[in-house]
Amino acid sequence: MVPRAIQTLATVADARAFVAAERAAGRRIALVPTMGALHEGHLELVRVAREHADTVVASVFVNPMQFGPHEDLDRYPRSPEADTQQLIVLGAEAVFMPEPDEMYPHGRSSTVVTAGHLGTVLEGRSRPGHFDGVLTVVTKLLSIVQPEVAVFGEKDAQQLFLVRRMVDDLNLPVEVVGVPTVREPDGLALSSRNALLRGGERQDALVLSRALEAAGAASDRGVEAMLAAAQSVFQADSGAQLDYLAVVDPATFTPASADHRGRVQVLVAARVGTVRLIDNLITTVP
């Protein structure tokens, strides 16, 4: 089959017209929501989306509603031309690149999809209102594109959990697919924010993945041993400032008890210089 030329969609009306034509042609649609500055992790999302659908729509939108007043909205990397070229290479059928005033024509939305209590812990505690902004824009994108499948990365573990719960709570007709974290050869999880690391900060950032590895190696000794092992890695490394470290039950995203057995998810967030990074690991306590 000859690949079709990619369609660049700038408005909600353009996006709705495109997906209406795709659906009329009997094509199954997958949505890959991104904030741009695409790296290999994003591209893996597009590849997985292709496995689930005939038509892949990637959105590139730096959503102001998920940034706090003192966060890095203005500094967040943007590369729309390069993003489009990468999507062309992968054969995506469309890229939805709206401006903020297209998504929020009346300014910051007064109608918000709230994440509830789980949106106020871990990432939500460090970034108040972040997940309300995420769920609001994801709901808007799902409403505009109406895909059969939406693909998200597992690196943003709390986000993925909350999106899945929202889809279930609101009975939205979409399958949410999670894709394992893509890493550099040395273990650093790919992130658009990695581009903001300067000098030795790139090496300092490896403390996150090393802490997760230490926690995983201690899993046979239980949850408390996992936390202690990961914390010891940070205590021995002064290049990053730990924000939080937690072990949760991936079924509920609540803290795993000391006597927990079965699957657990280790979550870590830290600041390296001015850049805040997150990572996670799923393992099993035998």
Protein backbone atom coordinates (compact mmCIF):
# COMPACT_ATOMS: atom_id res chain seq x y z
CA MET A 1 0.00 0.00 0.00
CA VAL A 2 1.40 3.43 -0.94
CA PRO A 3 1.64 5.70 2.14
CA ARG A 4 -0.64 8.71 2.06
CA ALA A 5 0.68 12.25 2.46
CA ILE A 6 0.41 13.44 6.03
CA GLN A 7 -2.36 15.93 6.79
CA THR A 8 -1.49 18.84 9.09
CA LEU A 9 -4.60 19.83 11.03
CA ALA A 10 -4.57 23.23 12.74
CA THR A 11 -8.17 23.60 13.85
CA VAL A 12 -10.78 21.52 15.61
CA ALA A 13 -12.95 21.73 12.49
CA ASP A 14 -10.09 20.41 10.34
CA ALA A 15 -9.51 17.50 12.70
CA ARG A 16 -13.19 16.58 12.86
CA ALA A 17 -13.53 16.72 9.08
CA PHE A 18 -10.46 14.50 8.65
CA VAL A 19 -11.60 11.81 11.08
CA ALA A 20 -15.14 11.89 9.67
CA ALA A 21 -13.75 11.09 6.22
CA GLU A 22 -11.54 8.33 7.66
CA ARG A 23 -14.45 6.77 9.49
CA ALA A 24 -16.67 7.00 6.41
CA ALA A 25 -13.99 5.01 4.58
CA GLY A 26 -14.22 2.32 7.25
CA ARG A 27 -10.85 3.04 8.81
CA ARG A 28 -10.04 2.39 12.47
CA ILE A 29 -8.39 5.42 14.13
CA ALA A 30 -5.67 5.61 16.77
CA LEU A 31 -4.71 8.79 18.62
CA VAL A 32 -1.23 9.46 20.00
CA PRO A 33 -1.38 12.56 22.25
CA THR A 34 1.98 14.31 22.66
CA MET A 35 3.37 17.68 23.62
CA GLY A 36 5.87 17.56 20.78
CA ALA A 37 9.68 17.63 20.82
CA LEU A 38 9.30 14.06 19.64
CA HIS A 39 11.94 11.51 20.59
CA GLU A 40 12.24 7.76 20.12
CA GLY A 41 9.78 7.15 22.96
CA HIS A 42 7.07 9.10 21.15
CA LEU A 43 7.91 7.37 17.88
CA GLU A 44 7.44 3.99 19.55
CA LEU A 45 3.94 5.14 20.53
CA VAL A 46 3.23 5.84 16.86
CA ARG A 47 4.54 2.41 15.85
CA VAL A 48 2.32 0.71 18.42
CA ALA A 49 -0.65 2.82 17.30
CA ARG A 50 -0.10 1.54 13.76
CA GLU A 51 -0.48 -2.02 15.06
CA HIS A 52 -3.93 -1.17 16.39
CA ALA A 53 -5.43 1.00 13.66
CA ASP A 54 -5.56 1.91 9.97
CA THR A 55 -5.18 5.64 10.58
CA VAL A 56 -2.79 7.22 13.09
CA VAL A 57 -3.42 10.77 14.28
CA ALA A 58 -0.69 12.29 16.46
CA SER A 59 -1.47 15.46 18.37
CA VAL A 60 1.29 17.96 19.12
CA PHE A 61 0.07 20.46 21.70
CA VAL A 62 1.86 21.95 24.68
CA ASN A 63 -1.13 22.13 26.99
CA PRO A 64 -0.95 25.25 29.20
CA MET A 65 -3.56 23.86 31.60
CA GLN A 66 -1.19 21.20 32.93
CA PHE A 67 1.57 23.66 33.83
CA GLY A 68 1.64 25.53 37.12
CA PRO A 69 2.46 29.26 37.36
CA HIS A 70 6.13 28.60 38.18
CA GLU A 71 6.71 25.61 35.88
CA ASP A 72 8.55 25.40 32.58
CA LEU A 73 5.74 26.14 30.07
CA ASP A 74 7.79 28.78 28.23
CA ARG A 75 10.97 26.66 28.30
CA TYR A 76 9.28 23.42 27.23
CA PRO A 77 11.01 22.25 24.00
CA ARG A 78 9.10 22.87 20.78
CA SER A 79 10.09 21.60 17.32
CA PRO A 80 6.97 21.42 15.13
CA GLU A 81 8.77 21.10 11.78
CA ALA A 82 11.06 18.33 13.00
CA ASP A 83 8.10 16.60 14.67
CA THR A 84 6.16 16.60 11.42
CA GLN A 85 9.12 15.17 9.51
CA GLN A 86 9.48 12.31 11.97
CA LEU A 87 5.78 11.53 11.71
CA ILE A 88 6.06 11.53 7.90
CA VAL A 89 8.86 8.95 8.10
CA LEU A 90 6.69 6.71 10.28
CA GLY A 91 3.71 7.07 7.96
CA ALA A 92 1.27 8.79 10.32
CA GLU A 93 -1.76 9.98 8.41
CA ALA A 94 -2.31 13.22 10.31
CA VAL A 95 -0.81 15.54 12.89
CA PHE A 96 -3.12 17.79 14.90
CA MET A 97 -1.21 20.96 15.86
CA PRO A 98 -3.65 23.48 17.33
CA GLU A 99 -2.70 26.77 18.93
CA PRO A 100 -3.76 27.32 22.57
CA ASP A 101 -6.55 29.70 21.58
CA GLU A 102 -7.96 27.02 19.26
CA MET A 103 -8.20 24.50 22.11
CA TYR A 104 -9.20 27.12 24.70
CA PRO A 105 -11.03 29.85 22.74
CA HIS A 106 -12.35 31.48 25.93
CA GLY A 107 -9.06 31.32 27.78
CA ARG A 108 -8.36 28.80 30.52
CA SER A 109 -11.24 26.33 30.56
CA SER A 110 -13.74 26.84 33.36
CA THR A 111 -15.02 23.29 32.82
CA VAL A 112 -12.40 20.88 34.13
CA VAL A 113 -12.19 17.09 34.35
CA THR A 114 -10.84 16.48 37.85
CA ALA A 115 -8.58 13.62 38.82
CA GLY A 116 -9.93 13.33 42.38
CA HIS A 117 -7.77 12.40 45.35
CA LEU A 118 -5.25 10.43 43.27
CA GLY A 119 -4.57 13.61 41.34
CA THR A 120 -3.30 15.30 44.52
CA VAL A 121 -0.60 12.79 45.55
CA LEU A 122 2.89 12.05 44.19
CA GLU A 123 3.07 14.07 40.94
CA GLY A 124 -0.14 15.84 41.92
CA ARG A 125 1.31 16.94 45.25
CA SER A 126 4.37 18.38 43.54
CA ARG A 127 2.35 19.86 40.69
CA PRO A 128 -1.07 20.97 42.01
CA GLY A 129 -3.74 20.95 39.31
CA HIS A 130 -1.47 19.19 36.81
CA PHE A 131 -3.64 16.12 36.35
CA ASP A 132 -6.85 18.14 36.08
CA GLY A 133 -5.19 19.90 33.14
CA VAL A 134 -4.06 16.59 31.65
CA LEU A 135 -7.45 14.91 31.93
CA THR A 136 -9.22 17.99 30.57
CA VAL A 137 -7.09 18.16 27.42
CA VAL A 138 -7.17 14.38 26.92
CA THR A 139 -10.96 14.48 27.13
CA LYS A 140 -11.03 17.28 24.56
CA LEU A 141 -8.72 15.36 22.22
CA LEU A 142 -10.78 12.18 22.57
CA SER A 143 -13.92 14.19 21.83
CA ILE A 144 -12.38 15.82 18.75
CA VAL A 145 -10.72 12.74 17.22
CA GLN A 146 -13.05 10.04 18.64
CA PRO A 147 -10.45 7.30 18.17
CA GLU A 148 -11.00 3.61 18.79
CA VAL A 149 -7.55 3.47 20.42
CA ALA A 150 -5.45 6.01 22.34
CA VAL A 151 -1.77 5.27 23.02
CA PHE A 152 0.21 6.57 26.01
CA GLY A 153 3.69 5.92 27.40
CA GLU A 154 4.15 4.01 30.63
CA LYS A 155 6.89 6.44 31.77
CA ASP A 156 4.14 8.81 32.90
CA ALA A 157 2.73 6.11 35.16
CA GLN A 158 0.32 8.20 37.22
CA GLN A 159 -0.99 9.93 34.11
CA LEU A 160 -1.64 6.59 32.41
CA PHE A 161 -3.44 5.25 35.49
CA LEU A 162 -5.64 8.34 35.74
CA VAL A 163 -6.46 8.39 32.02
CA ARG A 164 -7.52 4.75 32.20
CA ARG A 165 -9.64 5.42 35.27
CA MET A 166 -11.25 8.46 33.62
CA VAL A 167 -12.10 6.45 30.50
CA ASP A 168 -13.67 3.78 32.71
CA ASP A 169 -15.48 6.25 34.99
CA LEU A 170 -16.95 8.20 32.06
CA ASN A 171 -17.69 5.14 29.88
CA LEU A 172 -15.68 6.58 27.00
CA PRO A 173 -15.62 4.26 23.96
CA VAL A 174 -11.84 4.06 23.55
CA GLU A 175 -9.19 1.45 24.31
CA VAL A 176 -6.20 2.90 26.19
CA VAL A 177 -2.93 1.19 25.28
CA GLY A 178 0.21 1.64 27.37
CA VAL A 179 3.69 1.36 25.83
CA PRO A 180 6.79 0.45 27.89
CA THR A 181 9.33 3.19 28.59
CA VAL A 182 12.03 3.62 25.96
CA ARG A 183 15.48 4.18 27.43
CA GLU A 184 18.91 5.32 26.37
CA PRO A 185 21.59 2.57 26.39
CA ASP A 186 22.72 3.76 29.83
CA GLY A 187 19.21 3.48 31.26
CA LEU A 188 18.00 7.09 31.20
CA ALA A 189 14.31 7.22 30.34
CA LEU A 190 13.66 9.25 27.21
CA SER A 191 11.94 12.56 27.91
CA SER A 192 11.52 15.81 26.02
CA ARG A 193 12.91 17.52 29.12
CA ASN A 194 16.24 15.70 28.70
CA ALA A 195 17.07 18.32 26.07
CA LEU A 196 17.17 20.91 28.88
CA LEU A 197 19.94 19.09 30.78
CA ARG A 198 23.25 20.94 30.67
CA GLY A 199 26.83 19.72 31.04
CA GLY A 200 27.19 17.08 33.73
CA GLU A 201 23.46 17.11 34.48
CA ARG A 202 22.94 14.39 31.87
CA GLN A 203 25.15 12.05 33.91
CA ASP A 204 23.55 13.17 37.17
CA ALA A 205 20.12 12.22 35.78
CA LEU A 206 21.12 8.55 35.74
CA VAL A 207 20.51 8.44 39.49
CA LEU A 208 16.80 7.91 38.78
CA SER A 209 17.24 4.71 36.80
CA ARG A 210 19.97 3.49 39.18
CA ALA A 211 17.64 3.95 42.15
CA LEU A 212 14.94 1.96 40.38
CA GLU A 213 17.40 -0.81 39.59
CA ALA A 214 18.42 -0.95 43.25
CA ALA A 215 14.78 -1.16 44.32
CA GLY A 216 14.13 -3.95 41.85
CA ALA A 217 17.17 -5.89 43.07
CA ALA A 218 15.83 -5.68 46.65
CA SER A 219 12.28 -6.80 45.76
CA ASP A 220 12.75 -10.28 47.23
CA ARG A 221 13.19 -8.62 50.66
CA GLY A 222 9.94 -6.64 50.53
CA VAL A 223 8.66 -3.13 50.05
CA GLU A 224 10.58 -1.45 52.87
CA ALA A 225 13.86 -2.92 51.64
CA MET A 226 13.09 -1.65 48.14
CA LEU A 227 12.56 1.88 49.42
CA ALA A 228 15.71 1.77 51.52
CA ALA A 229 17.79 0.51 48.59
CA ALA A 230 16.55 3.26 46.28
CA GLN A 231 17.00 5.97 48.92
CA SER A 232 20.60 4.85 49.51
CA VAL A 233 21.38 5.51 45.84
CA PHE A 234 20.16 9.10 46.16
CA GLN A 235 22.02 9.58 49.46
CA ALA A 236 25.25 8.58 47.71
CA ASP A 237 24.65 10.96 44.80
CA SER A 238 24.51 14.73 45.30
CA GLY A 239 23.75 15.52 41.66
CA ALA A 240 19.97 15.32 41.98
CA GLN A 241 17.42 16.54 44.50
CA LEU A 242 14.88 13.82 45.32
CA ASP A 243 11.25 14.94 45.16
CA TYR A 244 9.52 11.68 46.02
CA LEU A 245 10.11 7.95 46.06
CA ALA A 246 7.20 5.54 46.47
CA VAL A 247 6.16 1.94 45.97
CA VAL A 248 2.51 1.55 44.97
CA ASP A 249 0.08 -1.20 44.07
CA PRO A 250 -0.35 -0.70 40.29
CA ALA A 251 -3.98 -1.86 40.51
CA THR A 252 -4.96 1.04 42.81
CA PHE A 253 -1.98 3.44 42.68
CA THR A 254 -2.04 3.58 46.48
CA PRO A 255 1.00 2.84 48.67
CA ALA A 256 1.93 -0.82 48.89
CA SER A 257 1.90 -2.10 52.47
CA ALA A 258 5.03 -3.49 54.10
CA ASP A 259 3.66 -7.03 53.74
CA HIS A 260 2.48 -6.57 50.13
CA ARG A 261 3.08 -9.48 47.79
CA GLY A 262 2.71 -9.45 44.02
CA ARG A 263 3.18 -6.69 41.44
CA VAL A 264 4.40 -3.29 42.63
CA GLN A 265 5.37 -0.08 40.87
CA VAL A 266 8.31 1.97 42.08
CA LEU A 267 7.94 5.69 41.33
CA VAL A 268 10.61 8.36 41.52
CA ALA A 269 10.82 12.06 40.77
CA ALA A 270 13.87 14.28 41.15
CA ARG A 271 15.22 17.63 40.07
CA VAL A 272 18.52 17.73 38.22
CA GLY A 273 19.63 21.33 38.01
CA THR A 274 16.47 23.13 36.93
CA VAL A 275 15.00 20.08 35.16
CA ARG A 276 12.43 17.87 36.89
CA LEU A 277 12.44 14.22 35.76
CA ILE A 278 10.30 11.18 36.58
CA ASP A 279 10.71 7.45 36.07
CA ASN A 280 9.19 4.19 37.29
CA LEU A 281 9.64 0.45 37.37
CA ILE A 282 7.14 -2.39 37.62
CA THR A 283 8.38 -5.51 39.40
CA THR A 284 7.13 -8.25 41.70
CA VAL A 285 7.55 -8.87 45.40
CA PRO A 286 7.63 -12.69 45.61
